[in-house]
Protein backbone atom coordinates (compact mmCIF):
# COMPACT_ATOMS: atom_id res chain seq x y z
CA MET A 1 168.40 70.41 129.93
CA ASN A 2 170.72 72.46 132.03
CA SER A 3 172.69 74.38 129.24
CA LEU A 4 175.90 75.95 131.18
CA LYS A 5 176.23 79.46 132.27
CA ALA A 6 178.50 82.67 133.00
CA GLY A 7 181.68 81.27 134.90
CA ASP A 8 181.41 77.51 133.72
CA ILE A 9 184.73 76.27 131.74
CA ALA A 10 183.85 76.45 128.27
CA PRO A 11 184.16 72.57 127.27
CA LYS A 12 187.30 71.66 125.31
CA PHE A 13 186.23 70.86 121.79
CA SER A 14 187.05 69.80 118.50
CA LEU A 15 185.22 70.11 115.48
CA PRO A 16 185.51 69.52 111.70
CA ASP A 17 184.31 73.07 109.78
CA GLN A 18 182.48 72.76 106.16
CA ASP A 19 186.10 72.55 104.67
CA GLY A 20 186.69 69.31 106.90
CA GLU A 21 189.69 70.46 108.82
CA GLN A 22 189.73 70.48 112.52
CA VAL A 23 189.13 73.11 114.93
CA ASN A 24 189.91 73.20 118.41
CA LEU A 25 188.25 75.72 120.90
CA ALA A 26 191.57 75.85 122.42
CA ASP A 27 193.19 77.64 119.33
CA PHE A 28 191.34 80.67 120.04
CA GLN A 29 193.19 80.92 123.27
CA GLY A 30 193.52 84.61 124.40
CA GLN A 31 190.66 85.83 122.01
CA ARG A 32 186.65 86.22 122.85
CA VAL A 33 184.71 83.06 120.68
CA LEU A 34 181.01 83.58 120.40
CA VAL A 35 180.36 79.72 120.14
CA TYR A 36 176.24 79.90 118.65
CA PHE A 37 174.28 76.63 118.00
CA TYR A 38 171.61 76.53 115.51
CA PRO A 39 169.55 73.84 114.69
CA LYS A 40 170.12 73.47 111.26
CA ALA A 41 172.05 75.11 108.39
CA MET A 42 169.98 76.44 105.20
CA THR A 43 167.26 76.87 106.96
CA PRO A 44 165.19 80.59 106.76
CA GLY A 45 165.68 81.40 110.67
CA CYS A 46 169.15 80.13 110.98
CA THR A 47 169.69 81.60 107.39
CA VAL A 48 168.49 85.16 109.16
CA GLN A 49 171.11 84.87 111.67
CA ALA A 50 173.96 83.70 109.88
CA CYS A 51 173.45 86.30 107.53
CA GLY A 52 173.53 89.09 110.45
CA LEU A 53 176.64 88.08 111.99
CA ARG A 54 178.17 88.08 108.61
CA ASP A 55 177.28 92.05 108.10
CA ASN A 56 178.72 92.51 110.98
CA MET A 57 181.74 90.70 111.14
CA ASP A 58 183.80 93.58 111.22
CA ASP A 59 182.63 95.47 113.95
CA LEU A 60 182.66 91.96 116.25
CA LYS A 61 185.75 91.59 114.72
CA LYS A 62 186.89 95.02 116.02
CA ALA A 63 185.52 93.98 119.61
CA GLY A 64 187.51 91.47 119.69
CA VAL A 65 185.26 88.06 119.06
CA GLU A 66 185.60 84.97 116.83
CA VAL A 67 182.38 82.99 115.83
CA LEU A 68 181.92 79.45 115.47
CA GLY A 69 178.28 78.15 114.26
CA ILE A 70 178.00 74.64 115.63
CA SER A 71 174.97 72.60 114.00
CA THR A 72 174.42 68.70 113.56
CA ASP A 73 174.62 69.42 109.82
CA LYS A 74 177.45 67.35 108.21
CA PRO A 75 180.58 69.52 106.87
CA GLU A 76 180.05 68.77 102.54
CA LYS A 77 176.23 71.09 103.58
CA LEU A 78 178.38 73.59 105.74
CA SER A 79 179.93 74.10 102.95
CA ARG A 80 177.33 74.93 100.66
CA PHE A 81 175.43 76.81 103.61
CA ALA A 82 178.76 78.85 103.41
CA GLU A 83 179.15 79.37 100.21
CA LYS A 84 175.56 80.31 99.22
CA GLU A 85 175.14 82.76 101.93
CA LEU A 86 179.31 84.13 101.79
CA LEU A 87 179.34 83.30 105.18
CA ASN A 88 182.74 84.52 106.61
CA PHE A 89 182.69 82.67 109.38
CA THR A 90 183.17 79.01 110.72
CA LEU A 91 181.28 76.14 110.73
CA LEU A 92 181.47 73.49 112.71
CA SER A 93 179.42 70.53 112.30
CA ASP A 94 178.72 68.52 115.23
CA GLU A 95 177.05 65.44 114.03
CA ASP A 96 176.83 63.23 116.78
CA HIS A 97 175.82 66.31 119.17
CA SER A 98 178.26 65.74 121.32
CA VAL A 99 179.67 68.72 122.26
CA CYS A 100 175.62 70.13 121.76
CA GLN A 101 175.36 67.84 125.14
CA GLN A 102 178.46 69.21 126.49
CA PHE A 103 177.00 73.00 126.23
CA GLY A 104 173.64 71.75 127.78
CA VAL A 105 171.93 73.17 124.36
CA TRP A 106 170.63 69.73 123.41
CA GLY A 107 167.28 68.52 124.70
CA GLU A 108 163.28 67.61 123.72
CA LYS A 109 161.70 70.14 121.81
CA SER A 110 158.43 71.15 119.93
CA PHE A 111 157.00 72.31 117.07
CA MET A 112 153.65 71.28 115.48
CA GLY A 113 152.22 68.98 117.88
CA LYS A 114 155.72 66.59 117.40
CA THR A 115 157.90 65.97 120.00
CA TYR A 116 161.55 65.28 119.10
CA ASP A 117 165.35 66.18 120.32
CA GLY A 118 167.68 69.01 118.75
CA ILE A 119 169.34 71.52 119.23
CA HIS A 120 168.20 74.88 121.26
CA ARG A 121 169.39 77.87 119.80
CA ILE A 122 171.61 79.63 122.15
CA SER A 123 174.77 81.08 122.03
CA PHE A 124 177.97 81.13 124.48
CA LEU A 125 180.74 84.24 124.39
CA ILE A 126 183.59 83.00 125.66
CA GLY A 127 186.42 84.81 127.15
CA PRO A 128 190.04 84.66 126.23
CA ASP A 129 190.19 82.65 129.33
CA GLY A 130 187.92 79.35 128.12
CA VAL A 131 184.89 80.39 130.93
CA VAL A 132 181.70 81.41 129.87
CA GLU A 133 180.93 84.94 129.82
CA HIS A 134 177.80 85.35 128.90
CA VAL A 135 174.93 83.20 127.16
CA PHE A 136 172.26 84.66 124.57
CA ASP A 137 169.33 82.22 125.05
CA ASN A 138 167.13 84.89 124.53
CA PHE A 139 166.56 86.50 120.91
CA LYS A 140 164.97 86.01 117.95
CA THR A 141 166.88 84.73 114.57
CA SER A 142 166.78 88.85 113.03
CA ASN A 143 168.35 90.57 116.18
CA HIS A 144 170.50 88.24 117.59
CA HIS A 145 173.90 90.14 116.44
CA ASP A 146 172.82 93.03 117.92
CA ILE A 147 171.92 91.02 121.01
CA VAL A 148 175.69 90.38 121.41
CA LEU A 149 177.34 93.04 120.10
CA ASP A 150 175.66 95.31 122.47
CA TRP A 151 176.45 93.32 125.62
CA VAL A 152 180.32 92.88 124.06
CA LYS A 153 180.38 96.45 123.28
CA ALA A 154 179.11 97.55 126.79
CA ASN A 155 181.54 95.20 128.68
CA ALA A 156 184.56 95.35 126.65
């Protein structure tokens, strides 16, 4: 599994959001976008991570960063997740994990002795020009938002 690196051009993807509307990365041209991949909506770690972003959305927006969360969940499930946790950013459904593969976050994982293919929890900050500015792959679900904000503020 080789994920994209800083300096790589981000794949121009288009995916349905939690309301079934198509969202294109190209819609955010000229803005910084945090594209964060997470394994599964409504699970404890993913909920902690999403709520951390939710609670820091004002700071992220002030720093000029839009947030897109991507998992392989169906839009209906994303809609329930967003509603339940009052999420204030866009969740995208990549059911066939094709976008996950383009970003290099889909691969073998092991959990409690079982090996399976799934999403690795990696986030990408994409610059206004569509180039990956930074890859966040070393964080806890509880401090993900802090690590992102610290980096964005240091590289404003």
